[in-house]
Amino acid sequence: MAESTIVTTLARKAGELSGIIAELERQIAQRRAELVHVHATLRMFDPDHELAAIPAKRPQVPRLAYFAMGELSQRCRDALREADGEPIAAEDIASKAIADKGLDIEDRKLRSDFIRRFLWALDRLNAEGTAERVGKGLGARWRLASKPGEQA
């Protein structure tokens, strides 16, 4: 009996995932070996250093080459000003940026990354008092923060 397309596709996907896991496990083993060497070197300079007390550091996410320093915040401010007091979604700001840069608006991964980065920038603007969130969750929108004494 011939295998169905579904079974063949799932078997191929299982093979891909197994390969990725094997490569990641190899990388983990390599990093653990490097860590052992760093600890040994550290002990040479400070035998009493408490190695377990060294906190793990989160790796930095590389900067997205699509934006210059400060461009995300500037684009957010510009979009909020152009919205003329009407709340605007981060997705709308991201879509405009993708179009402005001549990128593929249908690329879901790129679109999701842009939205996430603009949400981060809008959260920062909110923390500094420049922008304010209207609503919660996926339906949240943003607008320029009201000046003291103004009605929102």
N, C-alpha and C. Protein backbone atom coordinates (compact mmCIF):
# COMPACT_ATOMS: atom_id res chain seq x y z
N MET A 1 0.84 -1.17 0.00
CA MET A 1 0.00 0.00 0.00
C MET A 1 0.90 1.24 0.00
N ALA A 2 0.60 2.19 -0.86
CA ALA A 2 1.41 3.40 -0.97
C ALA A 2 1.11 4.34 0.19
N GLU A 3 2.17 5.03 0.64
CA GLU A 3 2.00 5.99 1.73
C GLU A 3 1.26 7.21 1.22
N SER A 4 0.45 7.78 2.07
CA SER A 4 -0.27 8.99 1.68
C SER A 4 0.69 10.17 1.69
N THR A 5 0.28 11.22 1.03
CA THR A 5 1.08 12.45 0.99
C THR A 5 1.27 13.01 2.39
N ILE A 6 0.23 12.90 3.21
CA ILE A 6 0.30 13.41 4.58
C ILE A 6 1.39 12.68 5.37
N VAL A 7 1.40 11.35 5.26
CA VAL A 7 2.40 10.57 6.00
C VAL A 7 3.80 10.90 5.51
N THR A 8 3.98 11.01 4.21
CA THR A 8 5.29 11.34 3.64
C THR A 8 5.75 12.72 4.11
N THR A 9 4.84 13.69 4.08
CA THR A 9 5.18 15.05 4.50
C THR A 9 5.52 15.11 5.99
N LEU A 10 4.73 14.42 6.81
CA LEU A 10 5.00 14.40 8.24
C LEU A 10 6.33 13.71 8.56
N ALA A 11 6.62 12.62 7.84
CA ALA A 11 7.89 11.92 8.05
C ALA A 11 9.07 12.83 7.67
N ARG A 12 8.91 13.57 6.58
CA ARG A 12 9.97 14.49 6.15
C ARG A 12 10.15 15.60 7.19
N LYS A 13 9.05 16.12 7.73
CA LYS A 13 9.11 17.17 8.75
C LYS A 13 9.76 16.63 10.03
N ALA A 14 9.43 15.41 10.41
CA ALA A 14 10.04 14.80 11.58
C ALA A 14 11.55 14.68 11.39
N GLY A 15 11.97 14.30 10.20
CA GLY A 15 13.40 14.22 9.90
C GLY A 15 14.09 15.57 10.00
N GLU A 16 13.43 16.61 9.48
CA GLU A 16 13.98 17.97 9.57
C GLU A 16 14.15 18.39 11.02
N LEU A 17 13.10 18.19 11.81
CA LEU A 17 13.15 18.59 13.21
C LEU A 17 14.20 17.81 13.98
N SER A 18 14.32 16.52 13.70
CA SER A 18 15.36 15.71 14.35
C SER A 18 16.75 16.23 14.02
N GLY A 19 16.94 16.63 12.77
CA GLY A 19 18.23 17.19 12.36
C GLY A 19 18.54 18.49 13.05
N ILE A 20 17.53 19.36 13.18
CA ILE A 20 17.71 20.64 13.86
C ILE A 20 18.05 20.40 15.33
N ILE A 21 17.33 19.48 15.97
CA ILE A 21 17.58 19.18 17.38
C ILE A 21 18.99 18.64 17.57
N ALA A 22 19.42 17.75 16.68
CA ALA A 22 20.77 17.19 16.78
C ALA A 22 21.83 18.29 16.66
N GLU A 23 21.61 19.24 15.74
CA GLU A 23 22.56 20.35 15.57
C GLU A 23 22.57 21.25 16.80
N LEU A 24 21.40 21.54 17.36
CA LEU A 24 21.34 22.37 18.56
C LEU A 24 22.01 21.67 19.74
N GLU A 25 21.82 20.35 19.87
CA GLU A 25 22.48 19.60 20.95
C GLU A 25 24.00 19.63 20.78
N ARG A 26 24.47 19.57 19.52
CA ARG A 26 25.91 19.67 19.27
C ARG A 26 26.42 21.05 19.69
N GLN A 27 25.64 22.10 19.37
CA GLN A 27 26.03 23.46 19.76
C GLN A 27 26.02 23.62 21.28
N ILE A 28 25.05 23.02 21.96
CA ILE A 28 25.00 23.08 23.42
C ILE A 28 26.23 22.41 24.02
N ALA A 29 26.59 21.25 23.49
CA ALA A 29 27.78 20.54 23.99
C ALA A 29 29.03 21.40 23.80
N GLN A 30 29.12 22.07 22.65
CA GLN A 30 30.27 22.94 22.38
C GLN A 30 30.31 24.10 23.36
N ARG A 31 29.17 24.75 23.61
CA ARG A 31 29.12 25.88 24.54
C ARG A 31 29.43 25.44 25.96
N ARG A 32 28.99 24.22 26.34
CA ARG A 32 29.31 23.72 27.69
C ARG A 32 30.80 23.49 27.84
N ALA A 33 31.44 22.98 26.79
CA ALA A 33 32.89 22.77 26.83
C ALA A 33 33.60 24.12 26.96
N GLU A 34 33.14 25.12 26.21
CA GLU A 34 33.73 26.46 26.31
C GLU A 34 33.56 27.02 27.71
N LEU A 35 32.39 26.81 28.31
CA LEU A 35 32.13 27.31 29.66
C LEU A 35 33.06 26.65 30.67
N VAL A 36 33.31 25.36 30.53
CA VAL A 36 34.24 24.65 31.42
C VAL A 36 35.62 25.30 31.35
N HIS A 37 36.06 25.63 30.15
CA HIS A 37 37.37 26.26 29.97
C HIS A 37 37.41 27.66 30.59
N VAL A 38 36.33 28.43 30.42
CA VAL A 38 36.28 29.77 31.00
C VAL A 38 36.29 29.67 32.53
N HIS A 39 35.53 28.72 33.07
CA HIS A 39 35.52 28.53 34.53
C HIS A 39 36.90 28.14 35.04
N ALA A 40 37.57 27.26 34.32
CA ALA A 40 38.92 26.84 34.74
C ALA A 40 39.88 28.03 34.73
N THR A 41 39.78 28.86 33.72
CA THR A 41 40.64 30.04 33.63
C THR A 41 40.30 31.03 34.74
N LEU A 42 39.04 31.20 35.01
CA LEU A 42 38.61 32.09 36.09
C LEU A 42 39.16 31.60 37.43
N ARG A 43 39.12 30.29 37.66
CA ARG A 43 39.65 29.72 38.91
C ARG A 43 41.16 29.94 39.03
N MET A 44 41.87 30.00 37.91
CA MET A 44 43.32 30.26 37.96
C MET A 44 43.58 31.65 38.52
N PHE A 45 42.72 32.61 38.18
CA PHE A 45 42.91 33.98 38.63
C PHE A 45 42.26 34.25 39.99
N ASP A 46 41.17 33.53 40.29
CA ASP A 46 40.48 33.71 41.56
C ASP A 46 39.92 32.36 42.02
N PRO A 47 40.75 31.58 42.75
CA PRO A 47 40.33 30.24 43.16
C PRO A 47 39.08 30.22 44.03
N ASP A 48 38.79 31.32 44.71
CA ASP A 48 37.64 31.36 45.62
C ASP A 48 36.37 31.92 44.97
N HIS A 49 36.46 32.24 43.69
CA HIS A 49 35.29 32.84 43.02
C HIS A 49 34.13 31.84 43.01
N GLU A 50 32.94 32.31 43.37
CA GLU A 50 31.75 31.46 43.41
C GLU A 50 31.14 31.40 42.01
N LEU A 51 31.45 30.33 41.29
CA LEU A 51 31.00 30.20 39.90
C LEU A 51 29.48 30.11 39.78
N ALA A 52 28.84 29.48 40.75
CA ALA A 52 27.39 29.33 40.70
C ALA A 52 26.67 30.66 40.87
N ALA A 53 27.36 31.65 41.42
CA ALA A 53 26.75 32.96 41.66
C ALA A 53 26.76 33.84 40.40
N ILE A 54 27.41 33.41 39.35
CA ILE A 54 27.46 34.20 38.11
C ILE A 54 26.12 34.03 37.39
N PRO A 55 25.37 35.12 37.24
CA PRO A 55 24.05 35.00 36.61
C PRO A 55 24.17 34.77 35.10
N ALA A 56 23.27 33.99 34.57
CA ALA A 56 23.21 33.78 33.12
C ALA A 56 22.77 35.09 32.48
N LYS A 57 23.35 35.41 31.36
CA LYS A 57 23.06 36.65 30.67
C LYS A 57 22.27 36.33 29.41
N ARG A 58 21.17 37.02 29.21
CA ARG A 58 20.35 36.80 28.02
C ARG A 58 21.10 37.29 26.79
N PRO A 59 21.17 36.48 25.74
CA PRO A 59 21.87 36.94 24.53
C PRO A 59 21.13 38.11 23.88
N GLN A 60 21.88 39.03 23.31
CA GLN A 60 21.27 40.19 22.67
C GLN A 60 20.75 39.80 21.30
N VAL A 61 19.58 40.32 20.98
CA VAL A 61 19.00 40.10 19.66
C VAL A 61 19.68 41.09 18.72
N PRO A 62 20.16 40.62 17.58
CA PRO A 62 20.83 41.54 16.67
C PRO A 62 19.89 42.63 16.17
N ARG A 63 20.43 43.82 16.00
CA ARG A 63 19.63 44.93 15.50
C ARG A 63 19.17 44.62 14.08
N LEU A 64 17.96 45.02 13.79
CA LEU A 64 17.41 44.82 12.46
C LEU A 64 18.00 45.89 11.55
N ALA A 65 18.63 45.47 10.48
CA ALA A 65 19.34 46.40 9.59
C ALA A 65 18.40 47.31 8.81
N TYR A 66 17.10 47.11 8.91
CA TYR A 66 16.16 47.92 8.16
C TYR A 66 16.00 49.33 8.73
N PHE A 67 16.36 49.52 10.01
CA PHE A 67 16.11 50.80 10.66
C PHE A 67 17.38 51.40 11.21
N ALA A 68 17.52 52.71 11.04
CA ALA A 68 18.64 53.43 11.61
C ALA A 68 18.35 53.69 13.10
N MET A 69 19.36 54.10 13.83
CA MET A 69 19.20 54.40 15.25
C MET A 69 18.14 55.49 15.43
N GLY A 70 17.13 55.21 16.24
CA GLY A 70 16.08 56.17 16.53
C GLY A 70 14.96 56.23 15.50
N GLU A 71 15.09 55.48 14.40
CA GLU A 71 14.10 55.55 13.33
C GLU A 71 12.74 54.99 13.76
N LEU A 72 12.74 53.92 14.55
CA LEU A 72 11.47 53.33 14.99
C LEU A 72 10.66 54.35 15.79
N SER A 73 11.30 54.97 16.76
CA SER A 73 10.61 55.96 17.59
C SER A 73 10.13 57.14 16.75
N GLN A 74 10.96 57.58 15.83
CA GLN A 74 10.59 58.71 14.98
C GLN A 74 9.40 58.37 14.10
N ARG A 75 9.41 57.17 13.52
CA ARG A 75 8.28 56.73 12.69
C ARG A 75 7.00 56.67 13.52
N CYS A 76 7.12 56.19 14.76
CA CYS A 76 5.95 56.13 15.65
C CYS A 76 5.42 57.53 15.93
N ARG A 77 6.30 58.46 16.29
CA ARG A 77 5.87 59.84 16.57
C ARG A 77 5.20 60.45 15.34
N ASP A 78 5.82 60.27 14.16
CA ASP A 78 5.26 60.82 12.93
C ASP A 78 3.88 60.24 12.65
N ALA A 79 3.73 58.93 12.79
CA ALA A 79 2.44 58.28 12.53
C ALA A 79 1.38 58.76 13.51
N LEU A 80 1.75 58.93 14.77
CA LEU A 80 0.79 59.40 15.78
C LEU A 80 0.37 60.83 15.49
N ARG A 81 1.30 61.67 15.05
CA ARG A 81 0.97 63.06 14.70
C ARG A 81 0.06 63.09 13.47
N GLU A 82 0.40 62.27 12.45
CA GLU A 82 -0.39 62.25 11.22
C GLU A 82 -1.80 61.70 11.45
N ALA A 83 -1.98 60.89 12.49
CA ALA A 83 -3.29 60.32 12.80
C ALA A 83 -4.23 61.38 13.36
N ASP A 84 -3.71 62.54 13.70
CA ASP A 84 -4.52 63.68 14.14
C ASP A 84 -5.43 63.36 15.32
N GLY A 85 -4.86 62.70 16.33
CA GLY A 85 -5.62 62.41 17.54
C GLY A 85 -6.39 61.10 17.50
N GLU A 86 -6.54 60.52 16.32
CA GLU A 86 -7.24 59.23 16.21
C GLU A 86 -6.28 58.11 16.60
N PRO A 87 -6.75 57.15 17.37
CA PRO A 87 -5.88 56.02 17.74
C PRO A 87 -5.48 55.21 16.50
N ILE A 88 -4.25 54.73 16.49
CA ILE A 88 -3.71 53.98 15.35
C ILE A 88 -3.08 52.69 15.87
N ALA A 89 -3.17 51.63 15.09
CA ALA A 89 -2.61 50.34 15.47
C ALA A 89 -1.13 50.27 15.09
N ALA A 90 -0.36 49.54 15.90
CA ALA A 90 1.06 49.33 15.58
C ALA A 90 1.19 48.64 14.23
N GLU A 91 0.23 47.79 13.91
CA GLU A 91 0.24 47.08 12.63
C GLU A 91 0.19 48.06 11.45
N ASP A 92 -0.56 49.14 11.60
CA ASP A 92 -0.65 50.14 10.54
C ASP A 92 0.69 50.85 10.35
N ILE A 93 1.35 51.15 11.45
CA ILE A 93 2.66 51.80 11.37
C ILE A 93 3.66 50.85 10.72
N ALA A 94 3.62 49.58 11.11
CA ALA A 94 4.52 48.58 10.54
C ALA A 94 4.27 48.40 9.05
N SER A 95 3.01 48.35 8.65
CA SER A 95 2.67 48.17 7.23
C SER A 95 3.21 49.31 6.39
N LYS A 96 3.07 50.54 6.91
CA LYS A 96 3.59 51.70 6.17
C LYS A 96 5.11 51.63 6.06
N ALA A 97 5.78 51.21 7.13
CA ALA A 97 7.23 51.10 7.10
C ALA A 97 7.68 50.05 6.09
N ILE A 98 6.99 48.92 6.06
CA ILE A 98 7.33 47.86 5.10
C ILE A 98 7.18 48.39 3.68
N ALA A 99 6.07 49.09 3.41
CA ALA A 99 5.84 49.65 2.08
C ALA A 99 6.89 50.72 1.74
N ASP A 100 7.19 51.61 2.71
CA ASP A 100 8.18 52.66 2.48
C ASP A 100 9.55 52.09 2.11
N LYS A 101 9.88 50.96 2.69
CA LYS A 101 11.19 50.36 2.46
C LYS A 101 11.18 49.44 1.25
N GLY A 102 10.03 49.30 0.59
CA GLY A 102 9.94 48.48 -0.62
C GLY A 102 10.06 46.99 -0.35
N LEU A 103 9.65 46.57 0.85
CA LEU A 103 9.73 45.16 1.22
C LEU A 103 8.40 44.46 0.93
N ASP A 104 8.41 43.14 1.01
CA ASP A 104 7.23 42.33 0.69
C ASP A 104 6.22 42.40 1.83
N ILE A 105 5.10 43.07 1.60
CA ILE A 105 4.06 43.24 2.61
C ILE A 105 3.41 41.90 2.96
N GLU A 106 3.53 40.90 2.09
CA GLU A 106 2.93 39.58 2.32
C GLU A 106 3.83 38.66 3.15
N ASP A 107 5.08 39.08 3.42
CA ASP A 107 6.01 38.27 4.21
C ASP A 107 5.56 38.31 5.66
N ARG A 108 4.90 37.24 6.11
CA ARG A 108 4.29 37.21 7.44
C ARG A 108 5.33 37.30 8.56
N LYS A 109 6.48 36.65 8.36
CA LYS A 109 7.52 36.67 9.39
C LYS A 109 8.08 38.10 9.54
N LEU A 110 8.36 38.75 8.42
CA LEU A 110 8.88 40.12 8.45
C LEU A 110 7.84 41.06 9.06
N ARG A 111 6.60 40.90 8.64
CA ARG A 111 5.51 41.73 9.15
C ARG A 111 5.37 41.57 10.67
N SER A 112 5.41 40.34 11.14
CA SER A 112 5.31 40.07 12.57
C SER A 112 6.48 40.70 13.33
N ASP A 113 7.68 40.60 12.76
CA ASP A 113 8.86 41.18 13.40
C ASP A 113 8.74 42.71 13.46
N PHE A 114 8.30 43.33 12.37
CA PHE A 114 8.12 44.78 12.36
C PHE A 114 7.09 45.20 13.40
N ILE A 115 5.96 44.50 13.46
CA ILE A 115 4.91 44.85 14.43
C ILE A 115 5.46 44.76 15.85
N ARG A 116 6.18 43.67 16.14
CA ARG A 116 6.76 43.49 17.47
C ARG A 116 7.70 44.63 17.81
N ARG A 117 8.53 45.05 16.87
CA ARG A 117 9.48 46.13 17.11
C ARG A 117 8.77 47.48 17.30
N PHE A 118 7.71 47.71 16.52
CA PHE A 118 6.97 48.97 16.70
C PHE A 118 6.21 48.97 18.02
N LEU A 119 5.68 47.82 18.45
CA LEU A 119 5.04 47.76 19.76
C LEU A 119 6.04 48.07 20.87
N TRP A 120 7.24 47.57 20.73
CA TRP A 120 8.30 47.85 21.70
C TRP A 120 8.59 49.35 21.74
N ALA A 121 8.70 49.97 20.56
CA ALA A 121 8.97 51.42 20.49
C ALA A 121 7.81 52.21 21.08
N LEU A 122 6.58 51.80 20.79
CA LEU A 122 5.41 52.49 21.34
C LEU A 122 5.34 52.35 22.86
N ASP A 123 5.71 51.18 23.37
CA ASP A 123 5.76 50.99 24.83
C ASP A 123 6.78 51.95 25.46
N ARG A 124 7.92 52.12 24.79
CA ARG A 124 8.94 53.06 25.29
C ARG A 124 8.40 54.49 25.27
N LEU A 125 7.72 54.86 24.18
CA LEU A 125 7.14 56.20 24.10
C LEU A 125 6.06 56.39 25.17
N ASN A 126 5.33 55.33 25.46
CA ASN A 126 4.33 55.37 26.53
C ASN A 126 5.01 55.61 27.87
N ALA A 127 6.10 54.91 28.13
CA ALA A 127 6.82 55.05 29.39
C ALA A 127 7.38 56.46 29.57
N GLU A 128 7.75 57.10 28.47
CA GLU A 128 8.29 58.47 28.58
C GLU A 128 7.19 59.53 28.52
N GLY A 129 5.94 59.09 28.34
CA GLY A 129 4.82 60.02 28.35
C GLY A 129 4.48 60.65 27.02
N THR A 130 5.04 60.16 25.93
CA THR A 130 4.79 60.71 24.60
C THR A 130 3.57 60.09 23.95
N ALA A 131 3.35 58.80 24.18
CA ALA A 131 2.23 58.08 23.58
C ALA A 131 1.41 57.43 24.68
N GLU A 132 0.15 57.11 24.33
CA GLU A 132 -0.68 56.37 25.28
C GLU A 132 -1.45 55.29 24.54
N ARG A 133 -1.62 54.19 25.25
CA ARG A 133 -2.34 53.04 24.70
C ARG A 133 -3.84 53.24 24.92
N VAL A 134 -4.60 52.90 23.89
CA VAL A 134 -6.05 52.95 23.97
C VAL A 134 -6.53 51.51 23.78
N GLY A 135 -7.09 50.92 24.82
CA GLY A 135 -7.54 49.54 24.76
C GLY A 135 -6.46 48.59 25.24
N LYS A 136 -6.80 47.31 25.17
CA LYS A 136 -5.87 46.28 25.65
C LYS A 136 -5.77 45.14 24.65
N GLY A 137 -4.73 44.36 24.79
CA GLY A 137 -4.57 43.16 23.99
C GLY A 137 -4.36 43.44 22.52
N LEU A 138 -4.82 42.52 21.67
CA LEU A 138 -4.59 42.62 20.24
C LEU A 138 -5.27 43.82 19.60
N GLY A 139 -6.34 44.30 20.22
CA GLY A 139 -7.06 45.44 19.66
C GLY A 139 -6.55 46.79 20.12
N ALA A 140 -5.46 46.81 20.87
CA ALA A 140 -4.93 48.08 21.39
C ALA A 140 -4.53 49.00 20.25
N ARG A 141 -4.77 50.26 20.46
CA ARG A 141 -4.38 51.31 19.52
C ARG A 141 -3.55 52.32 20.30
N TRP A 142 -2.93 53.24 19.57
CA TRP A 142 -2.04 54.22 20.19
C TRP A 142 -2.37 55.61 19.67
N ARG A 143 -2.12 56.61 20.52
CA ARG A 143 -2.26 58.00 20.12
C ARG A 143 -1.26 58.82 20.92
N LEU A 144 -1.09 60.07 20.49
CA LEU A 144 -0.22 60.96 21.26
C LEU A 144 -0.82 61.16 22.62
N ALA A 145 0.05 61.23 23.61
CA ALA A 145 -0.41 61.40 24.99
C ALA A 145 -1.06 62.77 25.14
N SER A 146 -2.11 62.81 25.95
CA SER A 146 -2.79 64.08 26.23
C SER A 146 -1.89 64.95 27.08
N LYS A 147 -1.94 66.24 26.82
CA LYS A 147 -1.19 67.17 27.66
C LYS A 147 -1.96 67.36 28.94
N PRO A 148 -1.28 67.65 30.06
CA PRO A 148 -1.99 67.88 31.31
C PRO A 148 -3.06 68.95 31.14
N GLY A 149 -4.28 68.67 31.63
CA GLY A 149 -5.37 69.63 31.52
C GLY A 149 -6.27 69.37 30.32
N GLU A 150 -5.85 68.53 29.37
CA GLU A 150 -6.66 68.19 28.21
C GLU A 150 -7.48 66.96 28.51
N GLN A 151 -8.62 66.85 27.87
CA GLN A 151 -9.44 65.64 27.98
C GLN A 151 -8.94 64.63 26.99
N ALA A 152 -8.88 63.35 27.40
CA ALA A 152 -8.42 62.29 26.49
C ALA A 152 -9.56 61.82 25.63
